[in-house]
Amino acid sequence: QVGYAPLGLRSALVPLTNLSSQLAMPLLFIGIIIGTT
């Protein structure tokens, strides 16, 4: 109601956080398999 900034920032990050949580580990594992040079 009062526009508490950290809450607004956290809410704005929810979609990106959900996406990053789904993609982070798969990208790491695929990268390891392909090669880490």
Full PDB file with SEQRES, HELIX, SHEET, SSBOND, CRYST1, ORIGX, SCALE, CONECT and MASTER records, all heavy atoms in Angstrom:
SEQRES   1 A   37  GLN VAL GLY TYR ALA PRO LEU GLY LEU ARG SER ALA LEU          
SEQRES   2 A   37  VAL PRO LEU THR ASN LEU SER SER GLN LEU ALA MET PRO          
SEQRES   3 A   37  LEU LEU PHE ILE GLY ILE ILE ILE GLY THR THR                  
HELIX    1 AA1 ALA A    5  ILE A   34  1                                  30    
CRYST1    1.000    1.000    1.000  90.00  90.00  90.00 P 1           1          
ORIGX1      1.000000  0.000000  0.000000        0.00000                         
ORIGX2      0.000000  1.000000  0.000000        0.00000                         
ORIGX3      0.000000  0.000000  1.000000        0.00000                         
SCALE1      1.000000  0.000000  0.000000        0.00000                         
SCALE2      0.000000  1.000000  0.000000        0.00000                         
SCALE3      0.000000  0.000000  1.000000        0.00000                         
ATOM      1  N   GLN A   1       0.821  -1.211   0.000  1.00  0.00           N  
ATOM      2  CA  GLN A   1       0.000   0.000   0.000  1.00  0.00           C  
ATOM      3  C   GLN A   1       0.857   1.264   0.000  1.00  0.00           C  
ATOM      4  O   GLN A   1       0.557   2.225  -0.723  1.00  0.00           O  
ATOM      5  CB  GLN A   1      -0.929   0.009   1.210  1.00  0.00           C  
ATOM      6  CG  GLN A   1      -1.825   1.237   1.283  1.00  0.00           C  
ATOM      7  CD  GLN A   1      -2.417   1.440   2.667  1.00  0.00           C  
ATOM      8  OE1 GLN A   1      -1.734   1.258   3.681  1.00  0.00           O  
ATOM      9  NE2 GLN A   1      -3.692   1.796   2.719  1.00  0.00           N  
ATOM     10  N   VAL A   2       1.927   1.253   0.804  1.00  0.00           N  
ATOM     11  CA  VAL A   2       2.746   2.456   0.951  1.00  0.00           C  
ATOM     12  C   VAL A   2       3.860   2.546  -0.084  1.00  0.00           C  
ATOM     13  O   VAL A   2       4.629   3.504  -0.112  1.00  0.00           O  
ATOM     14  CB  VAL A   2       3.345   2.550   2.375  1.00  0.00           C  
ATOM     15  CG1 VAL A   2       2.240   2.571   3.420  1.00  0.00           C  
ATOM     16  CG2 VAL A   2       4.323   1.408   2.647  1.00  0.00           C  
ATOM     17  N   GLY A   3       3.971   1.539  -0.945  1.00  0.00           N  
ATOM     18  CA  GLY A   3       5.001   1.559  -1.973  1.00  0.00           C  
ATOM     19  C   GLY A   3       6.396   1.296  -1.438  1.00  0.00           C  
ATOM     20  O   GLY A   3       7.359   1.958  -1.861  1.00  0.00           O  
ATOM     21  N   TYR A   4       6.512   0.345  -0.529  1.00  0.00           N  
ATOM     22  CA  TYR A   4       7.817  -0.020   0.033  1.00  0.00           C  
ATOM     23  C   TYR A   4       8.719  -0.529  -1.092  1.00  0.00           C  
ATOM     24  O   TYR A   4       8.428  -1.548  -1.731  1.00  0.00           O  
ATOM     25  CB  TYR A   4       7.619  -1.081   1.105  1.00  0.00           C  
ATOM     26  CG  TYR A   4       8.879  -1.521   1.818  1.00  0.00           C  
ATOM     27  CD1 TYR A   4       9.636  -0.638   2.570  1.00  0.00           C  
ATOM     28  CD2 TYR A   4       9.294  -2.845   1.747  1.00  0.00           C  
ATOM     29  CE1 TYR A   4      10.774  -1.042   3.234  1.00  0.00           C  
ATOM     30  CE2 TYR A   4      10.431  -3.269   2.415  1.00  0.00           C  
ATOM     31  CZ  TYR A   4      11.175  -2.370   3.156  1.00  0.00           C  
ATOM     32  OH  TYR A   4      12.312  -2.789   3.814  1.00  0.00           O  
ATOM     33  N   ALA A   5       9.808   0.179  -1.357  1.00  0.00           N  
ATOM     34  CA  ALA A   5      10.647  -0.063  -2.539  1.00  0.00           C  
ATOM     35  C   ALA A   5      11.187  -1.493  -2.652  1.00  0.00           C  
ATOM     36  O   ALA A   5      11.123  -2.086  -3.739  1.00  0.00           O  
ATOM     37  CB  ALA A   5      11.790   0.947  -2.569  1.00  0.00           C  
ATOM     38  N   PRO A   6      11.765  -2.079  -1.585  1.00  0.00           N  
ATOM     39  CA  PRO A   6      12.285  -3.445  -1.719  1.00  0.00           C  
ATOM     40  C   PRO A   6      11.218  -4.462  -2.129  1.00  0.00           C  
ATOM     41  O   PRO A   6      11.508  -5.397  -2.883  1.00  0.00           O  
ATOM     42  CB  PRO A   6      12.827  -3.739  -0.319  1.00  0.00           C  
ATOM     43  CG  PRO A   6      13.221  -2.403   0.212  1.00  0.00           C  
ATOM     44  CD  PRO A   6      12.142  -1.479  -0.283  1.00  0.00           C  
ATOM     45  N   LEU A   7       9.975  -4.285  -1.654  1.00  0.00           N  
ATOM     46  CA  LEU A   7       8.906  -5.191  -2.059  1.00  0.00           C  
ATOM     47  C   LEU A   7       8.617  -5.039  -3.549  1.00  0.00           C  
ATOM     48  O   LEU A   7       8.428  -6.034  -4.262  1.00  0.00           O  
ATOM     49  CB  LEU A   7       7.627  -4.919  -1.260  1.00  0.00           C  
ATOM     50  CG  LEU A   7       6.415  -5.781  -1.659  1.00  0.00           C  
ATOM     51  CD1 LEU A   7       6.667  -7.245  -1.324  1.00  0.00           C  
ATOM     52  CD2 LEU A   7       5.147  -5.290  -0.949  1.00  0.00           C  
ATOM     53  N   GLY A   8       8.587  -3.810  -4.016  1.00  0.00           N  
ATOM     54  CA  GLY A   8       8.351  -3.571  -5.433  1.00  0.00           C  
ATOM     55  C   GLY A   8       9.445  -4.174  -6.292  1.00  0.00           C  
ATOM     56  O   GLY A   8       9.178  -4.770  -7.342  1.00  0.00           O  
ATOM     57  N   LEU A   9      10.694  -4.052  -5.832  1.00  0.00           N  
ATOM     58  CA  LEU A   9      11.823  -4.614  -6.570  1.00  0.00           C  
ATOM     59  C   LEU A   9      11.747  -6.130  -6.587  1.00  0.00           C  
ATOM     60  O   LEU A   9      11.969  -6.765  -7.622  1.00  0.00           O  
ATOM     61  CB  LEU A   9      13.137  -4.152  -5.935  1.00  0.00           C  
ATOM     62  CG  LEU A   9      14.422  -4.672  -6.579  1.00  0.00           C  
ATOM     63  CD1 LEU A   9      14.475  -4.288  -8.062  1.00  0.00           C  
ATOM     64  CD2 LEU A   9      15.641  -4.117  -5.840  1.00  0.00           C  
ATOM     65  N   ARG A  10      11.403  -6.721  -5.440  1.00  0.00           N  
ATOM     66  CA  ARG A  10      11.287  -8.180  -5.372  1.00  0.00           C  
ATOM     67  C   ARG A  10      10.175  -8.679  -6.287  1.00  0.00           C  
ATOM     68  O   ARG A  10      10.349  -9.668  -7.009  1.00  0.00           O  
ATOM     69  CB  ARG A  10      11.026  -8.644  -3.939  1.00  0.00           C  
ATOM     70  CG  ARG A  10      11.073 -10.164  -3.798  1.00  0.00           C  
ATOM     71  CD  ARG A  10      10.859 -10.621  -2.382  1.00  0.00           C  
ATOM     72  NE  ARG A  10       9.475 -10.480  -1.942  1.00  0.00           N  
ATOM     73  CZ  ARG A  10       8.991 -11.026  -0.827  1.00  0.00           C  
ATOM     74  NH1 ARG A  10       9.781 -11.730  -0.040  1.00  0.00           N  
ATOM     75  NH2 ARG A  10       7.729 -10.841  -0.483  1.00  0.00           N  
ATOM     76  N   SER A  11       9.050  -7.993  -6.280  1.00  0.00           N  
ATOM     77  CA  SER A  11       7.930  -8.390  -7.143  1.00  0.00           C  
ATOM     78  C   SER A  11       8.316  -8.297  -8.616  1.00  0.00           C  
ATOM     79  O   SER A  11       7.944  -9.153  -9.425  1.00  0.00           O  
ATOM     80  CB  SER A  11       6.712  -7.508  -6.862  1.00  0.00           C  
ATOM     81  OG  SER A  11       6.265  -7.661  -5.524  1.00  0.00           O  
ATOM     82  N   ALA A  12       9.065  -7.260  -8.960  1.00  0.00           N  
ATOM     83  CA  ALA A  12       9.495  -7.080 -10.351  1.00  0.00           C  
ATOM     84  C   ALA A  12      10.455  -8.180 -10.784  1.00  0.00           C  
ATOM     85  O   ALA A  12      10.508  -8.547 -11.967  1.00  0.00           O  
ATOM     86  CB  ALA A  12      10.140  -5.713 -10.520  1.00  0.00           C  
ATOM     87  N   LEU A  13      11.206  -8.708  -9.833  1.00  0.00           N  
ATOM     88  CA  LEU A  13      12.195  -9.738 -10.149  1.00  0.00           C  
ATOM     89  C   LEU A  13      11.604 -11.142 -10.220  1.00  0.00           C  
ATOM     90  O   LEU A  13      12.278 -12.062 -10.683  1.00  0.00           O  
ATOM     91  CB  LEU A  13      13.315  -9.730  -9.104  1.00  0.00           C  
ATOM     92  CG  LEU A  13      14.406  -8.675  -9.249  1.00  0.00           C  
ATOM     93  CD1 LEU A  13      15.360  -8.746  -8.060  1.00  0.00           C  
ATOM     94  CD2 LEU A  13      15.174  -8.886 -10.555  1.00  0.00           C  
ATOM     95  N   VAL A  14      10.368 -11.315  -9.762  1.00  0.00           N  
ATOM     96  CA  VAL A  14       9.779 -12.661  -9.706  1.00  0.00           C  
ATOM     97  C   VAL A  14       9.796 -13.371 -11.061  1.00  0.00           C  
ATOM     98  O   VAL A  14      10.265 -14.514 -11.154  1.00  0.00           O  
ATOM     99  CB  VAL A  14       8.348 -12.608  -9.133  1.00  0.00           C  
ATOM    100  CG1 VAL A  14       7.633 -13.939  -9.359  1.00  0.00           C  
ATOM    101  CG2 VAL A  14       8.391 -12.301  -7.642  1.00  0.00           C  
ATOM    102  N   PRO A  15       9.297 -12.759 -12.157  1.00  0.00           N  
ATOM    103  CA  PRO A  15       9.315 -13.471 -13.445  1.00  0.00           C  
ATOM    104  C   PRO A  15      10.724 -13.856 -13.884  1.00  0.00           C  
ATOM    105  O   PRO A  15      10.948 -14.976 -14.356  1.00  0.00           O  
ATOM    106  CB  PRO A  15       8.681 -12.465 -14.412  1.00  0.00           C  
ATOM    107  CG  PRO A  15       7.884 -11.555 -13.548  1.00  0.00           C  
ATOM    108  CD  PRO A  15       8.665 -11.434 -12.274  1.00  0.00           C  
ATOM    109  N   LEU A  16      11.674 -12.926 -13.748  1.00  0.00           N  
ATOM    110  CA  LEU A  16      13.047 -13.196 -14.151  1.00  0.00           C  
ATOM    111  C   LEU A  16      13.669 -14.270 -13.266  1.00  0.00           C  
ATOM    112  O   LEU A  16      14.410 -15.140 -13.745  1.00  0.00           O  
ATOM    113  CB  LEU A  16      13.879 -11.912 -14.083  1.00  0.00           C  
ATOM    114  CG  LEU A  16      15.357 -12.043 -14.490  1.00  0.00           C  
ATOM    115  CD1 LEU A  16      15.463 -12.560 -15.917  1.00  0.00           C  
ATOM    116  CD2 LEU A  16      16.059 -10.696 -14.356  1.00  0.00           C  
ATOM    117  N   THR A  17      13.352 -14.223 -11.963  1.00  0.00           N  
ATOM    118  CA  THR A  17      13.889 -15.218 -11.038  1.00  0.00           C  
ATOM    119  C   THR A  17      13.351 -16.609 -11.354  1.00  0.00           C  
ATOM    120  O   THR A  17      14.100 -17.602 -11.323  1.00  0.00           O  
ATOM    121  CB  THR A  17      13.536 -14.849  -9.585  1.00  0.00           C  
ATOM    122  OG1 THR A  17      14.080 -13.563  -9.283  1.00  0.00           O  
ATOM    123  CG2 THR A  17      14.108 -15.869  -8.611  1.00  0.00           C  
ATOM    124  N   ASN A  18      12.069 -16.700 -11.649  1.00  0.00           N  
ATOM    125  CA  ASN A  18      11.482 -17.996 -12.013  1.00  0.00           C  
ATOM    126  C   ASN A  18      12.145 -18.563 -13.262  1.00  0.00           C  
ATOM    127  O   ASN A  18      12.455 -19.763 -13.324  1.00  0.00           O  
ATOM    128  CB  ASN A  18       9.977 -17.850 -12.242  1.00  0.00           C  
ATOM    129  CG  ASN A  18       9.223 -17.575 -10.964  1.00  0.00           C  
ATOM    130  OD1 ASN A  18       9.697 -17.873  -9.872  1.00  0.00           O  
ATOM    131  ND2 ASN A  18       8.037 -16.992 -11.079  1.00  0.00           N  
ATOM    132  N   LEU A  19      12.362 -17.699 -14.247  1.00  0.00           N  
ATOM    133  CA  LEU A  19      13.001 -18.138 -15.488  1.00  0.00           C  
ATOM    134  C   LEU A  19      14.448 -18.560 -15.248  1.00  0.00           C  
ATOM    135  O   LEU A  19      14.891 -19.612 -15.736  1.00  0.00           O  
ATOM    136  CB  LEU A  19      12.949 -17.015 -16.526  1.00  0.00           C  
ATOM    137  CG  LEU A  19      13.597 -17.317 -17.882  1.00  0.00           C  
ATOM    138  CD1 LEU A  19      12.857 -18.461 -18.569  1.00  0.00           C  
ATOM    139  CD2 LEU A  19      13.597 -16.066 -18.758  1.00  0.00           C  
ATOM    140  N   SER A  20      15.180 -17.747 -14.489  1.00  0.00           N  
ATOM    141  CA  SER A  20      16.592 -18.049 -14.229  1.00  0.00           C  
ATOM    142  C   SER A  20      16.752 -19.335 -13.420  1.00  0.00           C  
ATOM    143  O   SER A  20      17.684 -20.112 -13.642  1.00  0.00           O  
ATOM    144  CB  SER A  20      17.256 -16.882 -13.494  1.00  0.00           C  
ATOM    145  OG  SER A  20      16.693 -16.699 -12.207  1.00  0.00           O  
ATOM    146  N   SER A  21      15.819 -19.583 -12.494  1.00  0.00           N  
ATOM    147  CA  SER A  21      15.886 -20.799 -11.682  1.00  0.00           C  
ATOM    148  C   SER A  21      15.688 -22.045 -12.538  1.00  0.00           C  
ATOM    149  O   SER A  21      16.260 -23.106 -12.264  1.00  0.00           O  
ATOM    150  CB  SER A  21      14.818 -20.758 -10.578  1.00  0.00           C  
ATOM    151  OG  SER A  21      15.057 -19.682  -9.695  1.00  0.00           O  
ATOM    152  N   GLN A  22      14.886 -21.928 -13.586  1.00  0.00           N  
ATOM    153  CA  GLN A  22      14.624 -23.052 -14.478  1.00  0.00           C  
ATOM    154  C   GLN A  22      15.774 -23.301 -15.451  1.00  0.00           C  
ATOM    155  O   GLN A  22      16.024 -24.440 -15.847  1.00  0.00           O  
ATOM    156  CB  GLN A  22      13.332 -22.816 -15.259  1.00  0.00           C  
ATOM    157  CG  GLN A  22      12.081 -22.785 -14.399  1.00  0.00           C  
ATOM    158  CD  GLN A  22      10.847 -22.405 -15.195  1.00  0.00           C  
ATOM    159  OE1 GLN A  22      10.925 -22.126 -16.395  1.00  0.00           O  
ATOM    160  NE2 GLN A  22       9.695 -22.352 -14.535  1.00  0.00           N  
ATOM    161  N   LEU A  23      16.472 -22.237 -15.833  1.00  0.00           N  
ATOM    162  CA  LEU A  23      17.480 -22.355 -16.879  1.00  0.00           C  
ATOM    163  C   LEU A  23      18.912 -22.484 -16.382  1.00  0.00           C  
ATOM    164  O   LEU A  23      19.769 -23.041 -17.092  1.00  0.00           O  
ATOM    165  CB  LEU A  23      17.394 -21.140 -17.814  1.00  0.00           C  
ATOM    166  CG  LEU A  23      16.118 -20.993 -18.643  1.00  0.00           C  
ATOM    167  CD1 LEU A  23      16.207 -19.731 -19.498  1.00  0.00           C  
ATOM    168  CD2 LEU A  23      15.896 -22.205 -19.514  1.00  0.00           C  
ATOM    169  N   ALA A  24      19.201 -21.982 -15.188  1.00  0.00           N  
ATOM    170  CA  ALA A  24      20.587 -21.907 -14.721  1.00  0.00           C  
ATOM    171  C   ALA A  24      21.300 -23.264 -14.723  1.00  0.00           C  
ATOM    172  O   ALA A  24      22.348 -23.427 -15.359  1.00  0.00           O  
ATOM    173  CB  ALA A  24      20.635 -21.280 -13.327  1.00  0.00           C  
ATOM    174  N   MET A  25      20.747 -24.241 -14.011  1.00  0.00           N  
ATOM    175  CA  MET A  25      21.420 -25.538 -13.902  1.00  0.00           C  
ATOM    176  C   MET A  25      21.467 -26.298 -15.227  1.00  0.00           C  
ATOM    177  O   MET A  25      22.510 -26.885 -15.558  1.00  0.00           O  
ATOM    178  CB  MET A  25      20.753 -26.379 -12.812  1.00  0.00           C  
ATOM    179  CG  MET A  25      20.855 -25.768 -11.419  1.00  0.00           C  
ATOM    180  SD  MET A  25      22.519 -25.150 -10.991  1.00  0.00           S  
ATOM    181  CE  MET A  25      23.451 -26.675 -10.967  1.00  0.00           C  
ATOM    182  N   PRO A  26      20.384 -26.300 -16.030  1.00  0.00           N  
ATOM    183  CA  PRO A  26      20.490 -26.958 -17.341  1.00  0.00           C  
ATOM    184  C   PRO A  26      21.601 -26.374 -18.206  1.00  0.00           C  
ATOM    185  O   PRO A  26      22.329 -27.117 -18.883  1.00  0.00           O  
ATOM    186  CB  PRO A  26      19.103 -26.706 -17.966  1.00  0.00           C  
ATOM    187  CG  PRO A  26      18.191 -26.638 -16.801  1.00  0.00           C  
ATOM    188  CD  PRO A  26      18.985 -25.912 -15.741  1.00  0.00           C  
ATOM    189  N   LEU A  27      21.741 -25.050 -18.203  1.00  0.00           N  
ATOM    190  CA  LEU A  27      22.813 -24.433 -18.992  1.00  0.00           C  
ATOM    191  C   LEU A  27      24.185 -24.860 -18.482  1.00  0.00           C  
ATOM    192  O   LEU A  27      25.099 -25.120 -19.276  1.00  0.00           O  
ATOM    193  CB  LEU A  27      22.686 -22.908 -18.941  1.00  0.00           C  
ATOM    194  CG  LEU A  27      21.541 -22.288 -19.745  1.00  0.00           C  
ATOM    195  CD1 LEU A  27      21.526 -20.772 -19.575  1.00  0.00           C  
ATOM    196  CD2 LEU A  27      21.665 -22.647 -21.219  1.00  0.00           C  
ATOM    197  N   LEU A  28      24.322 -24.936 -17.155  1.00  0.00           N  
ATOM    198  CA  LEU A  28      25.598 -25.370 -16.580  1.00  0.00           C  
ATOM    199  C   LEU A  28      25.930 -26.802 -17.005  1.00  0.00           C  
ATOM    200  O   LEU A  28      27.058 -27.095 -17.425  1.00  0.00           O  
ATOM    201  CB  LEU A  28      25.546 -25.273 -15.056  1.00  0.00           C  
ATOM    202  CG  LEU A  28      25.640 -23.862 -14.458  1.00  0.00           C  
ATOM    203  CD1 LEU A  28      25.274 -23.882 -12.983  1.00  0.00           C  
ATOM    204  CD2 LEU A  28      27.047 -23.311 -14.640  1.00  0.00           C  
ATOM    205  N   PHE A  29      24.958 -27.691 -16.893  1.00  0.00           N  
ATOM    206  CA  PHE A  29      25.199 -29.097 -17.229  1.00  0.00           C  
ATOM    207  C   PHE A  29      25.492 -29.268 -18.720  1.00  0.00           C  
ATOM    208  O   PHE A  29      26.394 -30.022 -19.097  1.00  0.00           O  
ATOM    209  CB  PHE A  29      23.996 -29.947 -16.827  1.00  0.00           C  
ATOM    210  CG  PHE A  29      23.877 -30.156 -15.345  1.00  0.00           C  
ATOM    211  CD1 PHE A  29      22.675 -29.932 -14.695  1.00  0.00           C  
ATOM    212  CD2 PHE A  29      24.968 -30.567 -14.583  1.00  0.00           C  
ATOM    213  CE1 PHE A  29      22.556 -30.114 -13.324  1.00  0.00           C  
ATOM    214  CE2 PHE A  29      24.866 -30.754 -13.224  1.00  0.00           C  
ATOM    215  CZ  PHE A  29      23.655 -30.529 -12.585  1.00  0.00           C  
ATOM    216  N   ILE A  30      24.735 -28.575 -19.564  1.00  0.00           N  
ATOM    217  CA  ILE A  30      24.975 -28.663 -21.007  1.00  0.00           C  
ATOM    218  C   ILE A  30      26.363 -28.122 -21.342  1.00  0.00           C  
ATOM    219  O   ILE A  30      27.090 -28.689 -22.172  1.00  0.00           O  
ATOM    220  CB  ILE A  30      23.888 -27.900 -21.784  1.00  0.00           C  
ATOM    221  CG1 ILE A  30      22.530 -28.585 -21.613  1.00  0.00           C  
ATOM    222  CG2 ILE A  30      24.250 -27.822 -23.270  1.00  0.00           C  
ATOM    223  CD1 ILE A  30      21.372 -27.806 -22.198  1.00  0.00           C  
ATOM    224  N   GLY A  31      26.735 -27.021 -20.697  1.00  0.00           N  
ATOM    225  CA  GLY A  31      28.053 -26.439 -20.928  1.00  0.00           C  
ATOM    226  C   GLY A  31      29.175 -27.390 -20.555  1.00  0.00           C  
ATOM    227  O   GLY A  31      30.182 -27.506 -21.263  1.00  0.00           O  
ATOM    228  N   ILE A  32      29.008 -28.106 -19.434  1.00  0.00           N  
ATOM    229  CA  ILE A  32      30.021 -29.067 -18.993  1.00  0.00           C  
ATOM    230  C   ILE A  32      30.156 -30.201 -20.008  1.00  0.00           C  
ATOM    231  O   ILE A  32      31.255 -30.644 -20.344  1.00  0.00           O  
ATOM    232  CB  ILE A  32      29.652 -29.631 -17.604  1.00  0.00           C  
ATOM    233  CG1 ILE A  32      29.790 -28.539 -16.543  1.00  0.00           C  
ATOM    234  CG2 ILE A  32      30.545 -30.818 -17.251  1.00  0.00           C  
ATOM    235  CD1 ILE A  32      29.265 -28.942 -15.183  1.00  0.00           C  
ATOM    236  N   ILE A  33      28.999 -30.670 -20.506  1.00  0.00           N  
ATOM    237  CA  ILE A  33      29.006 -31.769 -21.473  1.00  0.00           C  
ATOM    238  C   ILE A  33      29.678 -31.351 -22.786  1.00  0.00           C  
ATOM    239  O   ILE A  33      30.488 -32.092 -23.359  1.00  0.00           O  
ATOM    240  CB  ILE A  33      27.565 -32.249 -21.742  1.00  0.00           C  
ATOM    241  CG1 ILE A  33      26.993 -32.899 -20.489  1.00  0.00           C  
ATOM    242  CG2 ILE A  33      27.538 -33.247 -22.907  1.00  0.00           C  
ATOM    243  CD1 ILE A  33      25.526 -33.246 -20.593  1.00  0.00           C  
ATOM    244  N   ILE A  34      29.350 -30.155 -23.247  1.00  0.00           N  
ATOM    245  CA  ILE A  34      29.905 -29.686 -24.515  1.00  0.00           C  
ATOM    246  C   ILE A  34      31.405 -29.437 -24.401  1.00  0.00           C  
ATOM    247  O   ILE A  34      32.188 -29.756 -25.299  1.00  0.00           O  
ATOM    248  CB  ILE A  34      29.185 -28.399 -24.969  1.00  0.00           C  
ATOM    249  CG1 ILE A  34      27.728 -28.716 -25.334  1.00  0.00           C  
ATOM    250  CG2 ILE A  34      29.897 -27.774 -26.166  1.00  0.00           C  
ATOM    251  CD1 ILE A  34      26.918 -27.495 -25.719  1.00  0.00           C  
ATOM    252  N   GLY A  35      31.820 -28.847 -23.273  1.00  0.00           N  
ATOM    253  CA  GLY A  35      33.235 -28.549 -23.093  1.00  0.00           C  
ATOM    254  C   GLY A  35      33.427 -27.220 -22.395  1.00  0.00           C  
ATOM    255  O   GLY A  35      32.657 -26.285 -22.618  1.00  0.00           O  
ATOM    256  N   THR A  36      34.476 -27.155 -21.568  1.00  0.00           N  
ATOM    257  CA  THR A  36      34.665 -25.969 -20.736  1.00  0.00           C  
ATOM    258  C   THR A  36      35.894 -25.144 -21.118  1.00  0.00           C  
ATOM    259  O   THR A  36      36.324 -24.287 -20.362  1.00  0.00           O  
ATOM    260  CB  THR A  36      34.799 -26.378 -19.256  1.00  0.00           C  
ATOM    261  OG1 THR A  36      35.969 -27.212 -19.095  1.00  0.00           O  
ATOM    262  CG2 THR A  36      33.566 -27.126 -18.782  1.00  0.00           C  
ATOM    263  N   THR A  37      36.431 -25.404 -22.280  1.00  0.00           N  
ATOM    264  CA  THR A  37      37.581 -24.620 -22.716  1.00  0.00           C  
ATOM    265  C   THR A  37      37.185 -23.160 -22.873  1.00  0.00           C  
ATOM    266  O   THR A  37      36.148 -22.841 -23.464  1.00  0.00           O  
ATOM    267  CB  THR A  37      38.113 -25.140 -24.063  1.00  0.00           C  
ATOM    268  OG1 THR A  37      38.466 -26.515 -23.916  1.00  0.00           O  
ATOM    269  CG2 THR A  37      39.342 -24.342 -24.497  1.00  0.00           C  
TER     270      THR A  37                                                      
MASTER        0    0    0    1    0    0    0    6  269    1    0    3          
END                                                                             
